[in-house]
Amino acid sequence: MGGFSWWHWVILLVVVLVLFGGKGKVSDLMGDVAKGIKSFKKGLADEDDDVAEDIKAIEKKTEEPVNTKTKSKTRT
């Protein structure tokens, strides 16, 4: 229990390389995540607008009077 095994050193090295090994890798990754979340929210908002337009169109159709008295020419 007094020291680190070689697995501890490997994990520590990987963490250090991910955090500090390269110019802005973590910040680029977080920026991409933020862009993905914004796109997802925009997609949901666009979908809600489309649904609202469909509902308005259906309501407009149901408000129009329906002519039930049609002249049908049937021969018997």
C-alpha atoms as a PDB file:
ATOM      1  CA  MET A   1       0.000   0.000   0.000  1.00  0.00           C
ATOM      2  CA  GLY A   2       3.029   2.249   0.156  1.00  0.00           C
ATOM      3  CA  GLY A   3       3.454   2.997  -3.536  1.00  0.00           C
ATOM      4  CA  PHE A   4       1.750   3.123  -6.863  1.00  0.00           C
ATOM      5  CA  SER A   5       1.615   0.112  -9.116  1.00  0.00           C
ATOM      6  CA  TRP A   6       2.333   0.461 -12.797  1.00  0.00           C
ATOM      7  CA  TRP A   7      -1.446   0.576 -13.540  1.00  0.00           C
ATOM      8  CA  HIS A   8      -1.761   3.694 -11.414  1.00  0.00           C
ATOM      9  CA  TRP A   9       1.058   5.350 -13.367  1.00  0.00           C
ATOM     10  CA  VAL A  10      -0.538   4.415 -16.706  1.00  0.00           C
ATOM     11  CA  ILE A  11      -3.909   5.851 -15.686  1.00  0.00           C
ATOM     12  CA  LEU A  12      -2.251   9.004 -14.348  1.00  0.00           C
ATOM     13  CA  LEU A  13      -0.273   9.410 -17.585  1.00  0.00           C
ATOM     14  CA  VAL A  14      -3.421   9.028 -19.702  1.00  0.00           C
ATOM     15  CA  VAL A  15      -5.276  11.637 -17.631  1.00  0.00           C
ATOM     16  CA  VAL A  16      -2.361  14.080 -17.868  1.00  0.00           C
ATOM     17  CA  LEU A  17      -2.083  13.565 -21.647  1.00  0.00           C
ATOM     18  CA  VAL A  18      -5.803  14.136 -22.144  1.00  0.00           C
ATOM     19  CA  LEU A  19      -5.838  17.293 -20.044  1.00  0.00           C
ATOM     20  CA  PHE A  20      -2.557  18.867 -21.127  1.00  0.00           C
ATOM     21  CA  GLY A  21      -1.456  17.031 -24.255  1.00  0.00           C
ATOM     22  CA  GLY A  22      -2.410  19.344 -27.023  1.00  0.00           C
ATOM     23  CA  LYS A  23      -3.642  22.807 -27.686  1.00  0.00           C
ATOM     24  CA  GLY A  24      -7.199  23.175 -26.441  1.00  0.00           C
ATOM     25  CA  LYS A  25      -8.390  19.604 -26.864  1.00  0.00           C
ATOM     26  CA  VAL A  26     -10.683  19.704 -23.841  1.00  0.00           C
ATOM     27  CA  SER A  27     -12.057  23.146 -24.685  1.00  0.00           C
ATOM     28  CA  ASP A  28     -12.700  22.063 -28.293  1.00  0.00           C
ATOM     29  CA  LEU A  29     -14.488  18.980 -27.036  1.00  0.00           C
ATOM     30  CA  MET A  30     -16.689  21.016 -24.685  1.00  0.00           C
ATOM     31  CA  GLY A  31     -17.411  23.505 -27.484  1.00  0.00           C
ATOM     32  CA  ASP A  32     -18.579  20.670 -29.708  1.00  0.00           C
ATOM     33  CA  VAL A  33     -20.810  19.362 -26.925  1.00  0.00           C
ATOM     34  CA  ALA A  34     -22.327  22.838 -26.486  1.00  0.00           C
ATOM     35  CA  LYS A  35     -22.983  23.134 -30.242  1.00  0.00           C
ATOM     36  CA  GLY A  36     -24.681  19.743 -30.200  1.00  0.00           C
ATOM     37  CA  ILE A  37     -26.947  20.745 -27.328  1.00  0.00           C
ATOM     38  CA  LYS A  38     -27.889  24.020 -29.057  1.00  0.00           C
ATOM     39  CA  SER A  39     -28.691  22.182 -32.287  1.00  0.00           C
ATOM     40  CA  PHE A  40     -30.812  19.677 -30.390  1.00  0.00           C
ATOM     41  CA  LYS A  41     -32.795  22.433 -28.675  1.00  0.00           C
ATOM     42  CA  LYS A  42     -33.262  24.261 -31.989  1.00  0.00           C
ATOM     43  CA  GLY A  43     -34.528  21.055 -33.577  1.00  0.00           C
ATOM     44  CA  LEU A  44     -37.053  20.582 -30.793  1.00  0.00           C
ATOM     45  CA  ALA A  45     -38.247  24.185 -31.153  1.00  0.00           C
ATOM     46  CA  ASP A  46     -38.640  23.794 -34.927  1.00  0.00           C
ATOM     47  CA  GLU A  47     -40.599  20.586 -34.423  1.00  0.00           C
ATOM     48  CA  ASP A  48     -42.928  22.317 -31.955  1.00  0.00           C
ATOM     49  CA  ASP A  49     -43.550  25.110 -34.494  1.00  0.00           C
ATOM     50  CA  ASP A  50     -44.418  22.553 -37.175  1.00  0.00           C
ATOM     51  CA  VAL A  51     -46.838  20.793 -34.834  1.00  0.00           C
ATOM     52  CA  ALA A  52     -48.487  24.106 -33.922  1.00  0.00           C
ATOM     53  CA  GLU A  53     -48.962  24.929 -37.622  1.00  0.00           C
ATOM     54  CA  ASP A  54     -50.503  21.503 -38.232  1.00  0.00           C
ATOM     55  CA  ILE A  55     -52.906  21.985 -35.325  1.00  0.00           C
ATOM     56  CA  LYS A  56     -53.982  25.392 -36.666  1.00  0.00           C
ATOM     57  CA  ALA A  57     -54.603  23.890 -40.104  1.00  0.00           C
ATOM     58  CA  ILE A  58     -56.725  21.096 -38.621  1.00  0.00           C
ATOM     59  CA  GLU A  59     -58.732  23.577 -36.538  1.00  0.00           C
ATOM     60  CA  LYS A  60     -59.349  25.726 -39.623  1.00  0.00           C
ATOM     61  CA  LYS A  61     -60.639  22.721 -41.546  1.00  0.00           C
ATOM     62  CA  THR A  62     -63.012  21.741 -38.760  1.00  0.00           C
ATOM     63  CA  GLU A  63     -64.444  25.272 -38.572  1.00  0.00           C
ATOM     64  CA  GLU A  64     -65.556  25.182 -42.226  1.00  0.00           C
ATOM     65  CA  PRO A  65     -69.181  24.088 -42.630  1.00  0.00           C
ATOM     66  CA  VAL A  66     -69.747  20.697 -44.124  1.00  0.00           C
ATOM     67  CA  ASN A  67     -72.423  20.436 -46.806  1.00  0.00           C
ATOM     68  CA  THR A  68     -74.364  17.278 -46.050  1.00  0.00           C
ATOM     69  CA  LYS A  69     -77.096  17.893 -48.591  1.00  0.00           C
ATOM     70  CA  THR A  70     -75.639  16.774 -51.842  1.00  0.00           C
ATOM     71  CA  LYS A  71     -77.589  15.987 -54.925  1.00  0.00           C
ATOM     72  CA  SER A  72     -76.939  12.504 -56.030  1.00  0.00           C
ATOM     73  CA  LYS A  73     -78.263  11.152 -59.264  1.00  0.00           C
ATOM     74  CA  THR A  74     -78.965   7.504 -58.808  1.00  0.00           C
ATOM     75  CA  ARG A  75     -81.096   5.441 -61.063  1.00  0.00           C
ATOM     76  CA  THR A  76     -83.206   2.669 -59.699  1.00  0.00           C
END
